[in-house]
Amino acid sequence: NPIALATKILNDAIIDYYRSSVRITKNEHLVAEM
């Protein structure tokens, strides 16, 4: 089932993207702007 395997790779890439954005966010200083 090629589409299922490709979708799993996509879901893993989405999780990796979230993880890397969290790592980047921890190093950023937020501005007090709503």
ModelCIF file with pLDDT and N, C-alpha, C, O atoms, coordinates in Angstrom:
data_MODEL
#
_entry.id   MODEL 
#
_entity.id                         1 
_entity.type                       polymer 
_entity.pdbx_number_of_molecules   1 
#
_entity_poly.entity_id                      1 
_entity_poly.type                           'polypeptide(L)' 
_entity_poly.nstd_linkage                   no 
_entity_poly.nstd_monomer                   no 
_entity_poly.pdbx_seq_one_letter_code       NPIALATKILNDAIIDYYRSSVRITKNEHLVAEM 
_entity_poly.pdbx_seq_one_letter_code_can   NPIALATKILNDAIIDYYRSSVRITKNEHLVAEM 
_entity_poly.pdbx_strand_id                 A 
#
loop_
_entity_poly_seq.entity_id 
_entity_poly_seq.num 
_entity_poly_seq.mon_id 
_entity_poly_seq.hetero 
1 1  ASN n 
1 2  PRO n 
1 3  ILE n 
1 4  ALA n 
1 5  LEU n 
1 6  ALA n 
1 7  THR n 
1 8  LYS n 
1 9  ILE n 
1 10 LEU n 
1 11 ASN n 
1 12 ASP n 
1 13 ALA n 
1 14 ILE n 
1 15 ILE n 
1 16 ASP n 
1 17 TYR n 
1 18 TYR n 
1 19 ARG n 
1 20 SER n 
1 21 SER n 
1 22 VAL n 
1 23 ARG n 
1 24 ILE n 
1 25 THR n 
1 26 LYS n 
1 27 ASN n 
1 28 GLU n 
1 29 HIS n 
1 30 LEU n 
1 31 VAL n 
1 32 ALA n 
1 33 GLU n 
1 34 MET n 
#
_struct_asym.id          A 
_struct_asym.entity_id   1 
#
loop_
_ma_qa_metric.id 
_ma_qa_metric.mode 
_ma_qa_metric.name 
_ma_qa_metric.software_group_id 
_ma_qa_metric.type 
1 global pLDDT . pLDDT 
2 local  pLDDT . pLDDT 
#
_ma_qa_metric_global.metric_id      1 
_ma_qa_metric_global.metric_value   79.41 
_ma_qa_metric_global.model_id       1 
_ma_qa_metric_global.ordinal_id     1 
#
loop_
_ma_qa_metric_local.label_asym_id 
_ma_qa_metric_local.label_comp_id 
_ma_qa_metric_local.label_seq_id 
_ma_qa_metric_local.metric_id 
_ma_qa_metric_local.metric_value 
_ma_qa_metric_local.model_id 
_ma_qa_metric_local.ordinal_id 
A ASN 1  2 90.00 1 1  
A PRO 2  2 91.00 1 2  
A ILE 3  2 91.00 1 3  
A ALA 4  2 91.00 1 4  
A LEU 5  2 92.00 1 5  
A ALA 6  2 93.00 1 6  
A THR 7  2 92.00 1 7  
A LYS 8  2 93.00 1 8  
A ILE 9  2 93.00 1 9  
A LEU 10 2 94.00 1 10 
A ASN 11 2 91.00 1 11 
A ASP 12 2 92.00 1 12 
A ALA 13 2 93.00 1 13 
A ILE 14 2 92.00 1 14 
A ILE 15 2 91.00 1 15 
A ASP 16 2 90.00 1 16 
A TYR 17 2 91.00 1 17 
A TYR 18 2 86.00 1 18 
A ARG 19 2 86.00 1 19 
A SER 20 2 84.00 1 20 
A SER 21 2 79.00 1 21 
A VAL 22 2 74.00 1 22 
A ARG 23 2 72.00 1 23 
A ILE 24 2 69.00 1 24 
A THR 25 2 64.00 1 25 
A LYS 26 2 62.00 1 26 
A ASN 27 2 60.00 1 27 
A GLU 28 2 56.00 1 28 
A HIS 29 2 56.00 1 29 
A LEU 30 2 56.00 1 30 
A VAL 31 2 54.00 1 31 
A ALA 32 2 57.00 1 32 
A GLU 33 2 64.00 1 33 
A MET 34 2 61.00 1 34 
#
loop_
_atom_site.group_PDB 
_atom_site.id 
_atom_site.type_symbol 
_atom_site.label_atom_id 
_atom_site.label_alt_id 
_atom_site.label_comp_id 
_atom_site.label_asym_id 
_atom_site.label_entity_id 
_atom_site.label_seq_id 
_atom_site.pdbx_PDB_ins_code 
_atom_site.Cartn_x 
_atom_site.Cartn_y 
_atom_site.Cartn_z 
_atom_site.occupancy 
_atom_site.B_iso_or_equiv 
_atom_site.pdbx_formal_charge 
_atom_site.auth_seq_id 
_atom_site.auth_comp_id 
_atom_site.auth_asym_id 
_atom_site.auth_atom_id 
_atom_site.pdbx_PDB_model_num 
ATOM 1   N N  . ASN A 1 1  ? 0.852  -1.182 0.000  1.00 90.00 ? 1  ASN A N  1 
ATOM 2   C CA . ASN A 1 1  ? 0.000  0.000  0.000  1.00 90.00 ? 1  ASN A CA 1 
ATOM 3   C C  . ASN A 1 1  ? 0.896  1.244  0.000  1.00 90.00 ? 1  ASN A C  1 
ATOM 4   O O  . ASN A 1 1  ? 1.191  1.798  1.059  1.00 90.00 ? 1  ASN A O  1 
ATOM 5   N N  . PRO A 1 2  ? 1.330  1.682  -1.194 1.00 91.00 ? 2  PRO A N  1 
ATOM 6   C CA . PRO A 1 2  ? 2.293  2.785  -1.260 1.00 91.00 ? 2  PRO A CA 1 
ATOM 7   C C  . PRO A 1 2  ? 1.794  4.089  -0.637 1.00 91.00 ? 2  PRO A C  1 
ATOM 8   O O  . PRO A 1 2  ? 2.568  4.792  0.014  1.00 91.00 ? 2  PRO A O  1 
ATOM 9   N N  . ILE A 1 3  ? 0.529  4.421  -0.821 1.00 91.00 ? 3  ILE A N  1 
ATOM 10  C CA . ILE A 1 3  ? 0.008  5.687  -0.293 1.00 91.00 ? 3  ILE A CA 1 
ATOM 11  C C  . ILE A 1 3  ? -0.006 5.671  1.231  1.00 91.00 ? 3  ILE A C  1 
ATOM 12  O O  . ILE A 1 3  ? 0.209  6.707  1.860  1.00 91.00 ? 3  ILE A O  1 
ATOM 13  N N  . ALA A 1 4  ? -0.256 4.515  1.829  1.00 91.00 ? 4  ALA A N  1 
ATOM 14  C CA . ALA A 1 4  ? -0.242 4.422  3.291  1.00 91.00 ? 4  ALA A CA 1 
ATOM 15  C C  . ALA A 1 4  ? 1.170  4.644  3.829  1.00 91.00 ? 4  ALA A C  1 
ATOM 16  O O  . ALA A 1 4  ? 1.355  5.339  4.829  1.00 91.00 ? 4  ALA A O  1 
ATOM 17  N N  . LEU A 1 5  ? 2.158  4.059  3.170  1.00 92.00 ? 5  LEU A N  1 
ATOM 18  C CA . LEU A 1 5  ? 3.545  4.251  3.596  1.00 92.00 ? 5  LEU A CA 1 
ATOM 19  C C  . LEU A 1 5  ? 3.965  5.704  3.407  1.00 92.00 ? 5  LEU A C  1 
ATOM 20  O O  . LEU A 1 5  ? 4.634  6.276  4.269  1.00 92.00 ? 5  LEU A O  1 
ATOM 21  N N  . ALA A 1 6  ? 3.577  6.301  2.286  1.00 93.00 ? 6  ALA A N  1 
ATOM 22  C CA . ALA A 1 6  ? 3.910  7.703  2.031  1.00 93.00 ? 6  ALA A CA 1 
ATOM 23  C C  . ALA A 1 6  ? 3.227  8.615  3.050  1.00 93.00 ? 6  ALA A C  1 
ATOM 24  O O  . ALA A 1 6  ? 3.824  9.593  3.499  1.00 93.00 ? 6  ALA A O  1 
ATOM 25  N N  . THR A 1 7  ? 1.997  8.311  3.415  1.00 92.00 ? 7  THR A N  1 
ATOM 26  C CA . THR A 1 7  ? 1.284  9.108  4.414  1.00 92.00 ? 7  THR A CA 1 
ATOM 27  C C  . THR A 1 7  ? 1.943  8.986  5.780  1.00 92.00 ? 7  THR A C  1 
ATOM 28  O O  . THR A 1 7  ? 1.989  9.953  6.539  1.00 92.00 ? 7  THR A O  1 
ATOM 29  N N  . LYS A 1 8  ? 2.453  7.797  6.093  1.00 93.00 ? 8  LYS A N  1 
ATOM 30  C CA . LYS A 1 8  ? 3.174  7.632  7.358  1.00 93.00 ? 8  LYS A CA 1 
ATOM 31  C C  . LYS A 1 8  ? 4.445  8.481  7.360  1.00 93.00 ? 8  LYS A C  1 
ATOM 32  O O  . LYS A 1 8  ? 4.782  9.098  8.370  1.00 93.00 ? 8  LYS A O  1 
ATOM 33  N N  . ILE A 1 9  ? 5.141  8.509  6.237  1.00 93.00 ? 9  ILE A N  1 
ATOM 34  C CA . ILE A 1 9  ? 6.340  9.355  6.126  1.00 93.00 ? 9  ILE A CA 1 
ATOM 35  C C  . ILE A 1 9  ? 5.950  10.818 6.297  1.00 93.00 ? 9  ILE A C  1 
ATOM 36  O O  . ILE A 1 9  ? 6.653  11.574 6.967  1.00 93.00 ? 9  ILE A O  1 
ATOM 37  N N  . LEU A 1 10 ? 4.828  11.222 5.693  1.00 94.00 ? 10 LEU A N  1 
ATOM 38  C CA . LEU A 1 10 ? 4.352  12.598 5.831  1.00 94.00 ? 10 LEU A CA 1 
ATOM 39  C C  . LEU A 1 10 ? 4.023  12.914 7.285  1.00 94.00 ? 10 LEU A C  1 
ATOM 40  O O  . LEU A 1 10 ? 4.410  13.967 7.791  1.00 94.00 ? 10 LEU A O  1 
ATOM 41  N N  . ASN A 1 11 ? 3.312  12.014 7.962  1.00 91.00 ? 11 ASN A N  1 
ATOM 42  C CA . ASN A 1 11 ? 2.972  12.238 9.371  1.00 91.00 ? 11 ASN A CA 1 
ATOM 43  C C  . ASN A 1 11 ? 4.233  12.350 10.227 1.00 91.00 ? 11 ASN A C  1 
ATOM 44  O O  . ASN A 1 11 ? 4.292  13.177 11.138 1.00 91.00 ? 11 ASN A O  1 
ATOM 45  N N  . ASP A 1 12 ? 5.232  11.531 9.942  1.00 92.00 ? 12 ASP A N  1 
ATOM 46  C CA . ASP A 1 12 ? 6.503  11.624 10.666 1.00 92.00 ? 12 ASP A CA 1 
ATOM 47  C C  . ASP A 1 12 ? 7.188  12.966 10.401 1.00 92.00 ? 12 ASP A C  1 
ATOM 48  O O  . ASP A 1 12 ? 7.775  13.558 11.307 1.00 92.00 ? 12 ASP A O  1 
ATOM 49  N N  . ALA A 1 13 ? 7.111  13.446 9.150  1.00 93.00 ? 13 ALA A N  1 
ATOM 50  C CA . ALA A 1 13 ? 7.711  14.747 8.809  1.00 93.00 ? 13 ALA A CA 1 
ATOM 51  C C  . ALA A 1 13 ? 6.993  15.884 9.530  1.00 93.00 ? 13 ALA A C  1 
ATOM 52  O O  . ALA A 1 13 ? 7.630  16.852 9.946  1.00 93.00 ? 13 ALA A O  1 
ATOM 53  N N  . ILE A 1 14 ? 5.677  15.775 9.682  1.00 92.00 ? 14 ILE A N  1 
ATOM 54  C CA . ILE A 1 14 ? 4.909  16.799 10.400 1.00 92.00 ? 14 ILE A CA 1 
ATOM 55  C C  . ILE A 1 14 ? 5.327  16.822 11.873 1.00 92.00 ? 14 ILE A C  1 
ATOM 56  O O  . ILE A 1 14 ? 5.511  17.891 12.455 1.00 92.00 ? 14 ILE A O  1 
ATOM 57  N N  . ILE A 1 15 ? 5.472  15.649 12.463 1.00 91.00 ? 15 ILE A N  1 
ATOM 58  C CA . ILE A 1 15 ? 5.903  15.564 13.865 1.00 91.00 ? 15 ILE A CA 1 
ATOM 59  C C  . ILE A 1 15 ? 7.309  16.142 14.013 1.00 91.00 ? 15 ILE A C  1 
ATOM 60  O O  . ILE A 1 15 ? 7.580  16.890 14.952 1.00 91.00 ? 15 ILE A O  1 
ATOM 61  N N  . ASP A 1 16 ? 8.198  15.797 13.089 1.00 90.00 ? 16 ASP A N  1 
ATOM 62  C CA . ASP A 1 16 ? 9.557  16.343 13.133 1.00 90.00 ? 16 ASP A CA 1 
ATOM 63  C C  . ASP A 1 16 ? 9.537  17.864 12.992 1.00 90.00 ? 16 ASP A C  1 
ATOM 64  O O  . ASP A 1 16 ? 10.310 18.560 13.652 1.00 90.00 ? 16 ASP A O  1 
ATOM 65  N N  . TYR A 1 17 ? 8.666  18.377 12.144 1.00 91.00 ? 17 TYR A N  1 
ATOM 66  C CA . TYR A 1 17 ? 8.567  19.822 11.952 1.00 91.00 ? 17 TYR A CA 1 
ATOM 67  C C  . TYR A 1 17 ? 8.122  20.490 13.251 1.00 91.00 ? 17 TYR A C  1 
ATOM 68  O O  . TYR A 1 17 ? 8.666  21.521 13.645 1.00 91.00 ? 17 TYR A O  1 
ATOM 69  N N  . TYR A 1 18 ? 7.118  19.886 13.921 1.00 86.00 ? 18 TYR A N  1 
ATOM 70  C CA . TYR A 1 18 ? 6.682  20.425 15.211 1.00 86.00 ? 18 TYR A CA 1 
ATOM 71  C C  . TYR A 1 18 ? 7.810  20.390 16.231 1.00 86.00 ? 18 TYR A C  1 
ATOM 72  O O  . TYR A 1 18 ? 8.013  21.356 16.966 1.00 86.00 ? 18 TYR A O  1 
ATOM 73  N N  . ARG A 1 19 ? 8.541  19.286 16.281 1.00 86.00 ? 19 ARG A N  1 
ATOM 74  C CA . ARG A 1 19 ? 9.643  19.171 17.246 1.00 86.00 ? 19 ARG A CA 1 
ATOM 75  C C  . ARG A 1 19 ? 10.708 20.225 16.996 1.00 86.00 ? 19 ARG A C  1 
ATOM 76  O O  . ARG A 1 19 ? 11.188 20.861 17.934 1.00 86.00 ? 19 ARG A O  1 
ATOM 77  N N  . SER A 1 20 ? 11.080 20.415 15.734 1.00 84.00 ? 20 SER A N  1 
ATOM 78  C CA . SER A 1 20 ? 12.124 21.409 15.450 1.00 84.00 ? 20 SER A CA 1 
ATOM 79  C C  . SER A 1 20 ? 11.632 22.818 15.732 1.00 84.00 ? 20 SER A C  1 
ATOM 80  O O  . SER A 1 20 ? 12.407 23.664 16.177 1.00 84.00 ? 20 SER A O  1 
ATOM 81  N N  . SER A 1 21 ? 10.346 23.084 15.479 1.00 79.00 ? 21 SER A N  1 
ATOM 82  C CA . SER A 1 21 ? 9.833  24.427 15.770 1.00 79.00 ? 21 SER A CA 1 
ATOM 83  C C  . SER A 1 21 ? 9.791  24.683 17.273 1.00 79.00 ? 21 SER A C  1 
ATOM 84  O O  . SER A 1 21 ? 9.970  25.822 17.705 1.00 79.00 ? 21 SER A O  1 
ATOM 85  N N  . VAL A 1 22 ? 9.560  23.654 18.071 1.00 74.00 ? 22 VAL A N  1 
ATOM 86  C CA . VAL A 1 22 ? 9.586  23.809 19.527 1.00 74.00 ? 22 VAL A CA 1 
ATOM 87  C C  . VAL A 1 22 ? 11.007 24.108 19.984 1.00 74.00 ? 22 VAL A C  1 
ATOM 88  O O  . VAL A 1 22 ? 11.219 24.955 20.851 1.00 74.00 ? 22 VAL A O  1 
ATOM 89  N N  . ARG A 1 23 ? 11.986 23.408 19.396 1.00 72.00 ? 23 ARG A N  1 
ATOM 90  C CA . ARG A 1 23 ? 13.380 23.671 19.755 1.00 72.00 ? 23 ARG A CA 1 
ATOM 91  C C  . ARG A 1 23 ? 13.767 25.100 19.410 1.00 72.00 ? 23 ARG A C  1 
ATOM 92  O O  . ARG A 1 23 ? 14.449 25.768 20.186 1.00 72.00 ? 23 ARG A O  1 
ATOM 93  N N  . ILE A 1 24 ? 13.335 25.564 18.250 1.00 69.00 ? 24 ILE A N  1 
ATOM 94  C CA . ILE A 1 24 ? 13.644 26.938 17.832 1.00 69.00 ? 24 ILE A CA 1 
ATOM 95  C C  . ILE A 1 24 ? 12.954 27.934 18.752 1.00 69.00 ? 24 ILE A C  1 
ATOM 96  O O  . ILE A 1 24 ? 13.553 28.941 19.130 1.00 69.00 ? 24 ILE A O  1 
ATOM 97  N N  . THR A 1 25 ? 11.713 27.671 19.115 1.00 64.00 ? 25 THR A N  1 
ATOM 98  C CA . THR A 1 25 ? 10.945 28.570 19.971 1.00 64.00 ? 25 THR A CA 1 
ATOM 99  C C  . THR A 1 25 ? 11.585 28.711 21.340 1.00 64.00 ? 25 THR A C  1 
ATOM 100 O O  . THR A 1 25 ? 11.567 29.794 21.926 1.00 64.00 ? 25 THR A O  1 
ATOM 101 N N  . LYS A 1 26 ? 12.151 27.630 21.855 1.00 62.00 ? 26 LYS A N  1 
ATOM 102 C CA . LYS A 1 26 ? 12.794 27.708 23.170 1.00 62.00 ? 26 LYS A CA 1 
ATOM 103 C C  . LYS A 1 26 ? 13.970 28.673 23.166 1.00 62.00 ? 26 LYS A C  1 
ATOM 104 O O  . LYS A 1 26 ? 14.316 29.240 24.203 1.00 62.00 ? 26 LYS A O  1 
ATOM 105 N N  . ASN A 1 27 ? 14.585 28.863 22.003 1.00 60.00 ? 27 ASN A N  1 
ATOM 106 C CA . ASN A 1 27 ? 15.737 29.757 21.905 1.00 60.00 ? 27 ASN A CA 1 
ATOM 107 C C  . ASN A 1 27 ? 15.347 31.177 21.514 1.00 60.00 ? 27 ASN A C  1 
ATOM 108 O O  . ASN A 1 27 ? 16.202 32.063 21.491 1.00 60.00 ? 27 ASN A O  1 
ATOM 109 N N  . GLU A 1 28 ? 14.089 31.408 21.211 1.00 56.00 ? 28 GLU A N  1 
ATOM 110 C CA . GLU A 1 28 ? 13.644 32.743 20.833 1.00 56.00 ? 28 GLU A CA 1 
ATOM 111 C C  . GLU A 1 28 ? 13.150 33.497 22.052 1.00 56.00 ? 28 GLU A C  1 
ATOM 112 O O  . GLU A 1 28 ? 12.694 32.902 23.028 1.00 56.00 ? 28 GLU A O  1 
ATOM 113 N N  . HIS A 1 29 ? 13.248 34.807 21.981 1.00 56.00 ? 29 HIS A N  1 
ATOM 114 C CA . HIS A 1 29 ? 12.717 35.651 23.031 1.00 56.00 ? 29 HIS A CA 1 
ATOM 115 C C  . HIS A 1 29 ? 11.448 36.292 22.498 1.00 56.00 ? 29 HIS A C  1 
ATOM 116 O O  . HIS A 1 29 ? 11.463 36.990 21.484 1.00 56.00 ? 29 HIS A O  1 
ATOM 117 N N  . LEU A 1 30 ? 10.363 36.045 23.192 1.00 56.00 ? 30 LEU A N  1 
ATOM 118 C CA . LEU A 1 30 ? 9.087  36.541 22.730 1.00 56.00 ? 30 LEU A CA 1 
ATOM 119 C C  . LEU A 1 30 ? 8.936  38.030 23.003 1.00 56.00 ? 30 LEU A C  1 
ATOM 120 O O  . LEU A 1 30 ? 9.431  38.549 24.004 1.00 56.00 ? 30 LEU A O  1 
ATOM 121 N N  . VAL A 1 31 ? 8.256  38.693 22.111 1.00 54.00 ? 31 VAL A N  1 
ATOM 122 C CA . VAL A 1 31 ? 7.987  40.115 22.246 1.00 54.00 ? 31 VAL A CA 1 
ATOM 123 C C  . VAL A 1 31 ? 6.613  40.258 22.887 1.00 54.00 ? 31 VAL A C  1 
ATOM 124 O O  . VAL A 1 31 ? 5.700  39.489 22.584 1.00 54.00 ? 31 VAL A O  1 
ATOM 125 N N  . ALA A 1 32 ? 6.468  41.214 23.746 1.00 57.00 ? 32 ALA A N  1 
ATOM 126 C CA . ALA A 1 32 ? 5.189  41.422 24.431 1.00 57.00 ? 32 ALA A CA 1 
ATOM 127 C C  . ALA A 1 32 ? 4.204  42.099 23.479 1.00 57.00 ? 32 ALA A C  1 
ATOM 128 O O  . ALA A 1 32 ? 3.879  43.277 23.628 1.00 57.00 ? 32 ALA A O  1 
ATOM 129 N N  . GLU A 1 33 ? 3.739  41.327 22.501 1.00 64.00 ? 33 GLU A N  1 
ATOM 130 C CA . GLU A 1 33 ? 2.775  41.866 21.545 1.00 64.00 ? 33 GLU A CA 1 
ATOM 131 C C  . GLU A 1 33 ? 1.660  40.844 21.391 1.00 64.00 ? 33 GLU A C  1 
ATOM 132 O O  . GLU A 1 33 ? 1.911  39.686 21.057 1.00 64.00 ? 33 GLU A O  1 
ATOM 133 N N  . MET A 1 34 ? 0.453  41.267 21.630 1.00 61.00 ? 34 MET A N  1 
ATOM 134 C CA . MET A 1 34 ? -0.691 40.370 21.518 1.00 61.00 ? 34 MET A CA 1 
ATOM 135 C C  . MET A 1 34 ? -1.048 40.155 20.057 1.00 61.00 ? 34 MET A C  1 
ATOM 136 O O  . MET A 1 34 ? -1.991 39.425 19.752 1.00 61.00 ? 34 MET A O  1 
#
